[in-house]
Amino acid sequence: MKRTRLIGLIAVLAMILAACGGDDAATTTTAAPDEPATTAAPAEPTTTEAGSTDTTAEAMDEGPLAEYGESTDADPALVERAIGPVGDVPDIVLAAIARANQDLDQATIDKAMECWSNQECDTGSGGELTMGWADGGGDTVNVWRGVSHMEAILQALTYPEIGTIVSTAANFNADPAVHVNDVRFLIQRGVSFIVGYPDVGIALAPAVLEAEAAGIPYVSYSAGYVGLPGQDGALVPGEDYTAVVGEDLCALGQSFADVLNDSVGTGEVGMLGGTPGNALTLGWQQCVVPALADGLEIANPPADENSTTGDTYWVNSFALDAARGILTTTPDLGGWVYEYADGMYTALQAYDELGIPVENLTIAIRTDEQTLFCDWVERAEPTYNIWYSAGGNFQARVAVTTAML
């Protein structure tokens, strides 16, 4: 089999914690067109005491977040594995990554699985705090969400103050009321804080405001703004709710456009997104379109600058349907942009169904699920290239630490 190469990274983006602390987040874009890239595997756990971290007392006593009981002495290798070779990293992100360097024994792994599999669990620490998890998606409908949920649980288990974890999942229900009711359920349950992803965007605003009014901080991850800044009706992080953890969405969109401009040049490209109304998709899609070269066009353009296109709900079968529809009218598509690698993997089945060869194709993607890369290897097509970013699941850990601070 002829050896081909995987082109990465599309964008290595430092984190933004909106309205949380005074750290400036740096954004770095790197690409390695001459070297085969490798996807990052989770760090191998070692075995010591349940749920403990490698954070030293000395580091906690001396760091900028020491008064909050947090160390910023994160392992540089783990920082790079999580977010790439970035420059300045905000202190809260460093604190989260320092805790992520966990030593897991079997009892802790079992407890994490128990909490992941049940709506409510007792962590066994005896802590008085209750973490609420409000996912607009869910573990059973999206692999990325399932991994992010586990990341948040593992982070919570590093805090003996957290004695209970309560989780909800709207499973991408198209009715915003389902998402709102999940948050209200957590409020009534009396959780201490809520971490989640607002898939319905502005429609979740009433419930988020109710949580904050009840003294329950709401922190979203993966650039989960409750309405993109500037949107009519959007809430303001740091004023209306506690914080957003995520990357610079416009920089992500511009990086996507740079890849298409350089690798495709002219012709048409397809654009896919997640749930209608979510700020993540709208944020990067708004910045892709104006950054495209004159010779490039979106085959399925959004209705206007405030709309998303290619809505797939981040559900793989929906991604396949969307790709099939676009390829039926535009079989010579030069590339795709999407934020969900596993969904793109399923979407590529449309090429096989329609008998379209995967040739002269460029994909710019945000997450890094292995399914897409394994499929790329099996196809062994030297004119098919992928540019990708880090998975970003660790942002859920940062959100937990942000809430605890």
Protein backbone atom coordinates (compact mmCIF):
# COMPACT_ATOMS: atom_id res chain seq x y z
CA MET A 1 0.00 0.00 0.00
CA LYS A 2 1.34 3.39 -0.93
CA ARG A 3 2.20 5.49 2.11
CA THR A 4 0.29 8.74 2.29
CA ARG A 5 0.52 11.51 4.80
CA LEU A 6 -1.85 13.13 7.21
CA ILE A 7 -1.56 16.88 7.29
CA GLY A 8 -2.07 18.51 10.72
CA LEU A 9 -2.52 20.66 12.73
CA ILE A 10 -5.22 23.02 11.52
CA ALA A 11 -5.07 25.28 14.55
CA VAL A 12 -3.63 24.91 18.00
CA LEU A 13 -5.72 27.26 20.03
CA ALA A 14 -5.20 28.46 23.57
CA MET A 15 -8.23 28.66 25.79
CA ILE A 16 -10.39 31.65 26.45
CA LEU A 17 -12.14 31.85 29.81
CA ALA A 18 -14.55 34.67 29.21
CA ALA A 19 -14.72 37.03 32.18
CA CYS A 20 -12.79 34.63 34.45
CA GLY A 21 -9.54 36.15 35.71
CA GLY A 22 -7.16 38.48 33.94
CA ASP A 23 -5.23 36.01 31.79
CA ASP A 24 -4.74 36.77 28.13
CA ALA A 25 -5.29 33.77 25.88
CA ALA A 26 -2.82 33.39 23.03
CA THR A 27 -3.84 31.92 19.70
CA THR A 28 -1.29 30.05 17.64
CA THR A 29 -1.82 28.46 14.26
CA THR A 30 0.63 25.83 13.06
CA ALA A 31 0.76 23.46 10.14
CA ALA A 32 3.16 20.69 9.28
CA PRO A 33 2.69 19.93 5.58
CA ASP A 34 6.00 18.12 5.25
CA GLU A 35 5.69 15.77 8.19
CA PRO A 36 3.17 13.03 8.90
CA ALA A 37 1.20 14.04 11.97
CA THR A 38 0.16 11.76 14.78
CA THR A 39 -3.02 11.94 16.82
CA ALA A 40 -2.67 12.28 20.55
CA ALA A 41 -3.61 9.34 22.73
CA PRO A 42 -4.75 9.85 26.32
CA ALA A 43 -1.97 9.88 28.86
CA GLU A 44 -1.37 6.47 30.42
CA PRO A 45 -2.52 6.45 34.04
CA THR A 46 -0.30 5.21 36.82
CA THR A 47 -1.59 3.58 39.96
CA THR A 48 -1.41 5.08 43.41
CA GLU A 49 -4.12 6.41 45.72
CA ALA A 50 -7.63 6.80 44.39
CA GLY A 51 -8.18 10.01 42.47
CA SER A 52 -4.97 11.65 43.62
CA THR A 53 -2.97 14.07 41.51
CA ASP A 54 0.72 14.75 41.15
CA THR A 55 0.28 18.30 42.43
CA THR A 56 2.80 19.04 45.21
CA ALA A 57 2.04 21.08 48.29
CA GLU A 58 4.95 23.39 47.51
CA ALA A 59 3.57 24.19 44.05
CA MET A 60 0.13 24.88 45.50
CA ASP A 61 1.61 27.18 48.15
CA GLU A 62 3.56 29.27 45.65
CA GLY A 63 1.47 29.54 42.48
CA PRO A 64 -0.78 32.46 41.41
CA LEU A 65 -3.90 30.44 42.32
CA ALA A 66 -2.53 29.11 45.61
CA GLU A 67 -5.12 31.03 47.64
CA TYR A 68 -7.76 28.88 45.92
CA GLY A 69 -5.90 25.66 46.63
CA GLU A 70 -4.82 25.21 43.01
CA SER A 71 -1.41 24.57 41.50
CA THR A 72 -0.46 25.95 38.08
CA ASP A 73 2.59 23.69 37.95
CA ALA A 74 1.23 21.63 35.06
CA ASP A 75 3.49 19.13 33.32
CA PRO A 76 4.64 20.91 30.10
CA ALA A 77 4.40 17.63 28.18
CA LEU A 78 0.78 17.22 29.24
CA VAL A 79 0.02 20.84 28.33
CA GLU A 80 1.41 20.29 24.85
CA ARG A 81 -0.47 17.01 24.50
CA ALA A 82 -3.70 18.76 25.46
CA ILE A 83 -3.48 21.98 23.42
CA GLY A 84 -0.34 21.81 21.30
CA PRO A 85 2.76 24.01 21.21
CA VAL A 86 1.10 27.23 22.35
CA GLY A 87 2.67 30.23 24.01
CA ASP A 88 1.03 31.73 27.08
CA VAL A 89 -1.57 29.52 28.74
CA PRO A 90 -4.08 31.04 31.19
CA ASP A 91 -3.53 30.11 34.82
CA ILE A 92 -6.94 28.47 35.15
CA VAL A 93 -6.14 26.18 32.23
CA LEU A 94 -2.80 25.28 33.80
CA ALA A 95 -4.55 24.52 37.08
CA ALA A 96 -7.03 22.25 35.32
CA ILE A 97 -4.26 20.39 33.47
CA ALA A 98 -2.24 20.04 36.68
CA ARG A 99 -5.22 18.23 38.21
CA ALA A 100 -5.72 16.18 35.05
CA ASN A 101 -2.37 14.48 35.69
CA GLN A 102 -4.20 11.95 37.84
CA ASP A 103 -2.96 8.72 39.34
CA LEU A 104 -5.90 6.39 38.87
CA ASP A 105 -6.39 3.14 40.72
CA GLN A 106 -9.12 0.65 39.84
CA ALA A 107 -11.45 1.94 42.55
CA THR A 108 -11.36 5.44 41.05
CA ILE A 109 -11.89 4.10 37.55
CA ASP A 110 -14.87 2.08 38.79
CA LYS A 111 -16.31 5.14 40.54
CA ALA A 112 -15.88 7.23 37.39
CA MET A 113 -17.71 4.61 35.33
CA GLU A 114 -20.49 4.49 37.93
CA CYS A 115 -20.92 8.27 37.74
CA TRP A 116 -20.78 8.21 33.94
CA SER A 117 -23.44 5.50 33.71
CA ASN A 118 -25.94 6.90 36.23
CA GLN A 119 -27.82 10.15 36.51
CA GLU A 120 -26.66 10.58 40.09
CA CYS A 121 -23.72 9.18 42.03
CA ASP A 122 -22.04 9.55 45.38
CA THR A 123 -18.33 10.18 44.87
CA GLY A 124 -17.51 8.65 48.25
CA SER A 125 -15.56 11.71 49.41
CA GLY A 126 -18.23 12.96 51.80
CA GLY A 127 -17.97 16.42 50.23
CA GLU A 128 -20.84 18.86 50.58
CA LEU A 129 -20.79 20.16 47.00
CA THR A 130 -22.85 18.73 44.13
CA MET A 131 -21.71 19.08 40.53
CA GLY A 132 -24.43 19.38 37.91
CA TRP A 133 -23.78 18.30 34.30
CA ALA A 134 -26.21 19.62 31.68
CA ASP A 135 -25.42 18.27 28.22
CA GLY A 136 -27.54 19.29 25.27
CA GLY A 137 -26.25 16.15 23.57
CA GLY A 138 -25.48 12.98 25.47
CA ASP A 139 -23.19 10.02 25.95
CA THR A 140 -25.27 7.63 23.84
CA VAL A 141 -25.76 9.90 20.82
CA ASN A 142 -22.30 11.38 20.37
CA VAL A 143 -18.89 9.90 21.20
CA TRP A 144 -17.26 13.29 21.76
CA ARG A 145 -19.87 14.24 24.34
CA GLY A 146 -19.41 10.93 26.14
CA VAL A 147 -15.66 11.50 26.40
CA SER A 148 -16.15 15.08 27.58
CA HIS A 149 -18.57 13.90 30.26
CA MET A 150 -15.97 11.44 31.53
CA GLU A 151 -13.30 14.17 31.53
CA ALA A 152 -15.54 16.32 33.75
CA ILE A 153 -16.25 13.42 36.10
CA LEU A 154 -12.56 12.56 36.46
CA GLN A 155 -11.80 16.21 37.20
CA ALA A 156 -14.55 16.33 39.80
CA LEU A 157 -13.08 13.28 41.52
CA THR A 158 -9.90 15.26 42.22
CA TYR A 159 -11.94 17.56 44.48
CA PRO A 160 -12.86 15.99 47.84
CA GLU A 161 -15.30 18.88 48.28
CA ILE A 162 -17.52 17.36 45.57
CA GLY A 163 -19.56 14.58 47.11
CA THR A 164 -22.26 14.14 44.48
CA ILE A 165 -22.49 14.34 40.69
CA VAL A 166 -25.85 14.74 38.94
CA SER A 167 -25.96 14.51 35.13
CA THR A 168 -28.59 15.26 32.52
CA ALA A 169 -28.60 14.85 28.74
CA ALA A 170 -31.09 16.31 26.26
CA ASN A 171 -29.85 13.95 23.52
CA PHE A 172 -30.01 16.72 20.89
CA ASN A 173 -33.77 17.02 21.28
CA ALA A 174 -35.07 19.62 18.83
CA ASP A 175 -37.43 21.05 21.46
CA PRO A 176 -35.60 23.75 23.45
CA ALA A 177 -37.94 23.09 26.38
CA VAL A 178 -36.21 19.75 26.98
CA HIS A 179 -32.86 21.50 27.39
CA VAL A 180 -34.36 24.20 29.60
CA ASN A 181 -36.08 21.63 31.82
CA ASP A 182 -32.79 19.75 32.32
CA VAL A 183 -31.17 22.87 33.76
CA ARG A 184 -34.23 23.58 35.89
CA PHE A 185 -34.11 20.02 37.20
CA LEU A 186 -30.53 20.60 38.35
CA ILE A 187 -31.57 23.86 40.02
CA GLN A 188 -34.36 22.10 41.90
CA ARG A 189 -31.94 19.31 42.83
CA GLY A 190 -29.84 21.95 44.56
CA VAL A 191 -26.56 21.48 42.72
CA SER A 192 -23.67 23.74 43.66
CA PHE A 193 -22.68 24.58 40.09
CA ILE A 194 -23.51 23.50 36.54
CA VAL A 195 -21.13 22.61 33.72
CA GLY A 196 -22.59 21.89 30.31
CA TYR A 197 -23.05 22.68 26.65
CA PRO A 198 -25.97 24.91 25.53
CA ASP A 199 -26.86 23.33 22.20
CA VAL A 200 -29.93 25.51 21.79
CA GLY A 201 -27.97 28.71 22.40
CA ILE A 202 -30.12 31.71 23.29
CA ALA A 203 -33.12 29.48 23.95
CA LEU A 204 -31.39 28.24 27.12
CA ALA A 205 -31.00 31.78 28.47
CA PRO A 206 -34.02 31.78 30.82
CA ALA A 207 -32.83 28.64 32.62
CA VAL A 208 -29.23 29.88 32.86
CA LEU A 209 -30.43 33.15 34.36
CA GLU A 210 -32.53 31.20 36.86
CA ALA A 211 -29.50 29.16 37.88
CA GLU A 212 -27.32 32.20 38.42
CA ALA A 213 -30.11 33.95 40.34
CA ALA A 214 -30.23 30.91 42.62
CA GLY A 215 -26.51 31.25 43.30
CA ILE A 216 -25.57 28.35 41.02
CA PRO A 217 -22.68 29.25 38.69
CA TYR A 218 -23.16 28.12 35.08
CA VAL A 219 -19.96 27.37 33.13
CA SER A 220 -20.05 26.09 29.56
CA TYR A 221 -17.22 24.45 27.64
CA SER A 222 -16.31 24.04 23.97
CA ALA A 223 -17.11 27.70 23.25
CA GLY A 224 -20.67 27.10 24.41
CA TYR A 225 -21.85 30.67 24.50
CA VAL A 226 -25.48 31.18 25.47
CA GLY A 227 -25.87 33.13 22.29
CA LEU A 228 -22.86 34.31 20.31
CA PRO A 229 -21.60 37.72 21.50
CA GLY A 230 -23.50 40.38 19.59
CA GLN A 231 -26.52 38.21 18.85
CA ASP A 232 -29.88 39.63 19.80
CA GLY A 233 -30.86 38.12 23.13
CA ALA A 234 -27.43 36.64 23.89
CA LEU A 235 -26.29 36.49 27.49
CA VAL A 236 -22.96 38.05 28.47
CA PRO A 237 -20.46 35.71 30.15
CA GLY A 238 -19.10 37.22 33.33
CA GLU A 239 -22.24 39.32 33.73
CA ASP A 240 -25.25 37.11 33.07
CA TYR A 241 -23.47 33.80 33.70
CA THR A 242 -20.13 32.79 35.10
CA ALA A 243 -17.89 31.82 32.18
CA VAL A 244 -17.30 30.19 28.83
CA VAL A 245 -14.34 27.92 28.16
CA GLY A 246 -13.34 27.71 24.51
CA GLU A 247 -11.07 28.78 21.72
CA ASP A 248 -11.13 31.83 19.44
CA LEU A 249 -13.89 30.75 17.04
CA CYS A 250 -13.10 33.32 14.38
CA ALA A 251 -9.46 32.23 14.35
CA LEU A 252 -10.69 28.67 13.88
CA GLY A 253 -12.87 29.69 10.93
CA GLN A 254 -10.09 31.70 9.35
CA SER A 255 -7.76 28.71 9.72
CA PHE A 256 -10.34 26.54 7.95
CA ALA A 257 -10.50 29.10 5.13
CA ASP A 258 -6.70 29.26 4.88
CA VAL A 259 -6.56 25.49 4.42
CA LEU A 260 -9.19 25.56 1.67
CA ASN A 261 -7.60 28.55 -0.05
CA ASP A 262 -4.19 26.87 -0.15
CA SER A 263 -5.24 23.29 -0.84
CA VAL A 264 -8.37 23.66 -2.99
CA GLY A 265 -7.90 27.08 -4.57
CA THR A 266 -10.93 27.18 -6.86
CA GLY A 267 -14.28 25.45 -7.04
CA GLU A 268 -16.89 24.55 -4.45
CA VAL A 269 -16.59 23.24 -0.90
CA GLY A 270 -19.14 21.89 1.57
CA MET A 271 -19.74 23.19 5.07
CA LEU A 272 -21.32 21.19 7.89
CA GLY A 273 -22.26 22.23 11.41
CA GLY A 274 -23.89 21.07 14.61
CA THR A 275 -27.16 21.94 16.28
CA PRO A 276 -29.21 24.88 14.95
CA GLY A 277 -28.63 27.91 17.11
CA ASN A 278 -25.42 26.77 18.79
CA ALA A 279 -22.75 29.46 19.03
CA LEU A 280 -19.77 27.22 18.25
CA THR A 281 -20.82 26.48 14.67
CA LEU A 282 -22.07 30.00 14.00
CA GLY A 283 -18.87 31.49 15.38
CA TRP A 284 -16.49 29.73 13.02
CA GLN A 285 -18.86 29.62 10.01
CA GLN A 286 -19.27 33.40 10.13
CA CYS A 287 -15.53 33.76 9.67
CA VAL A 288 -15.01 31.09 7.00
CA VAL A 289 -17.18 32.65 4.29
CA PRO A 290 -15.56 36.12 4.10
CA ALA A 291 -12.06 34.62 4.36
CA LEU A 292 -12.40 32.36 1.31
CA ALA A 293 -10.42 33.20 -1.82
CA ASP A 294 -12.27 34.66 -4.80
CA GLY A 295 -12.22 31.35 -6.65
CA LEU A 296 -13.91 29.39 -3.86
CA GLU A 297 -17.60 29.12 -3.07
CA ILE A 298 -19.66 27.32 -0.44
CA ALA A 299 -21.86 24.73 -2.16
CA ASN A 300 -24.46 25.05 0.62
CA PRO A 301 -24.15 28.66 1.77
CA PRO A 302 -25.96 29.85 4.92
CA ALA A 303 -29.06 31.96 4.44
CA ASP A 304 -27.35 34.96 6.03
CA GLU A 305 -24.48 35.83 8.37
CA ASN A 306 -26.58 35.01 11.41
CA SER A 307 -27.52 31.52 10.20
CA THR A 308 -25.66 28.23 10.15
CA THR A 309 -25.62 25.75 7.29
CA GLY A 310 -25.24 21.99 7.10
CA ASP A 311 -26.91 21.45 10.47
CA THR A 312 -26.25 17.84 11.53
CA TYR A 313 -26.98 18.00 15.27
CA TRP A 314 -23.53 16.34 15.52
CA VAL A 315 -25.34 13.07 14.85
CA ASN A 316 -23.45 10.81 12.44
CA SER A 317 -26.43 9.66 10.41
CA PHE A 318 -27.52 13.27 9.92
CA ALA A 319 -24.02 14.12 8.73
CA LEU A 320 -24.30 11.34 6.15
CA ASP A 321 -27.65 12.69 4.94
CA ALA A 322 -26.25 16.21 4.62
CA ALA A 323 -23.16 15.07 2.70
CA ARG A 324 -25.27 12.88 0.41
CA GLY A 325 -27.50 15.82 -0.46
CA ILE A 326 -24.59 18.13 -1.24
CA LEU A 327 -22.66 15.53 -3.27
CA THR A 328 -25.73 14.66 -5.33
CA THR A 329 -25.71 18.16 -6.82
CA THR A 330 -21.96 18.87 -6.49
CA PRO A 331 -20.05 15.61 -7.03
CA ASP A 332 -16.76 17.38 -7.77
CA LEU A 333 -16.60 19.08 -4.39
CA GLY A 334 -13.05 20.12 -3.52
CA GLY A 335 -13.27 20.04 0.24
CA TRP A 336 -15.22 20.09 3.49
CA VAL A 337 -15.14 22.10 6.70
CA TYR A 338 -16.76 20.71 9.84
CA GLU A 339 -16.06 20.63 13.57
CA TYR A 340 -16.79 16.94 14.15
CA ALA A 341 -14.35 14.32 12.83
CA ASP A 342 -16.43 11.25 13.70
CA GLY A 343 -19.42 12.74 11.90
CA MET A 344 -17.19 13.44 8.88
CA TYR A 345 -16.12 9.80 8.91
CA THR A 346 -19.73 8.70 8.51
CA ALA A 347 -20.43 11.46 5.97
CA LEU A 348 -17.71 10.06 3.70
CA GLN A 349 -19.85 6.96 3.18
CA ALA A 350 -21.82 9.12 0.75
CA TYR A 351 -18.83 8.98 -1.61
CA ASP A 352 -19.00 5.19 -1.61
CA GLU A 353 -22.77 5.16 -2.05
CA LEU A 354 -22.66 7.55 -5.00
CA GLY A 355 -19.56 6.03 -6.58
CA ILE A 356 -17.56 9.24 -6.24
CA PRO A 357 -13.81 8.72 -5.73
CA VAL A 358 -12.21 10.43 -2.73
CA GLU A 359 -9.63 12.24 -4.84
CA ASN A 360 -8.27 15.79 -4.74
CA LEU A 361 -10.16 16.26 -1.51
CA THR A 362 -9.23 18.42 1.48
CA ILE A 363 -10.97 18.23 4.84
CA ALA A 364 -10.49 20.84 7.58
CA ILE A 365 -11.80 19.53 10.87
CA ARG A 366 -11.89 20.58 14.52
CA THR A 367 -11.94 17.37 16.56
CA ASP A 368 -9.72 14.31 16.21
CA GLU A 369 -11.75 11.13 16.64
CA GLN A 370 -9.71 8.17 15.40
CA THR A 371 -12.40 6.80 13.10
CA LEU A 372 -11.72 9.44 10.45
CA PHE A 373 -7.98 8.88 10.52
CA CYS A 374 -8.26 5.09 10.37
CA ASP A 375 -10.55 5.48 7.36
CA TRP A 376 -8.01 7.86 5.79
CA VAL A 377 -5.30 5.21 6.15
CA GLU A 378 -7.51 2.51 4.63
CA ARG A 379 -8.42 4.67 1.64
CA ALA A 380 -4.72 5.25 0.90
CA GLU A 381 -5.49 8.10 -1.49
CA PRO A 382 -2.48 10.45 -1.80
CA THR A 383 -4.60 13.39 -3.01
CA TYR A 384 -6.91 13.24 0.01
CA ASN A 385 -5.62 15.30 2.96
CA ILE A 386 -6.92 16.14 6.41
CA TRP A 387 -6.10 19.21 8.48
CA TYR A 388 -7.26 18.87 12.05
CA SER A 389 -7.14 20.37 15.51
CA ALA A 390 -7.08 18.80 18.97
CA GLY A 391 -10.20 17.10 20.27
CA GLY A 392 -10.71 19.66 23.02
CA ASN A 393 -12.47 17.29 25.39
CA PHE A 394 -10.21 18.54 28.20
CA GLN A 395 -12.15 21.82 28.07
CA ALA A 396 -14.73 20.08 30.25
CA ARG A 397 -12.03 19.68 32.91
CA VAL A 398 -11.21 23.38 32.67
CA ALA A 399 -14.89 24.21 33.16
CA VAL A 400 -15.03 22.14 36.36
CA THR A 401 -11.95 23.85 37.77
CA THR A 402 -13.31 27.26 36.77
CA ALA A 403 -16.52 26.57 38.68
CA MET A 404 -14.60 25.34 41.70
CA LEU A 405 -12.45 28.48 41.74
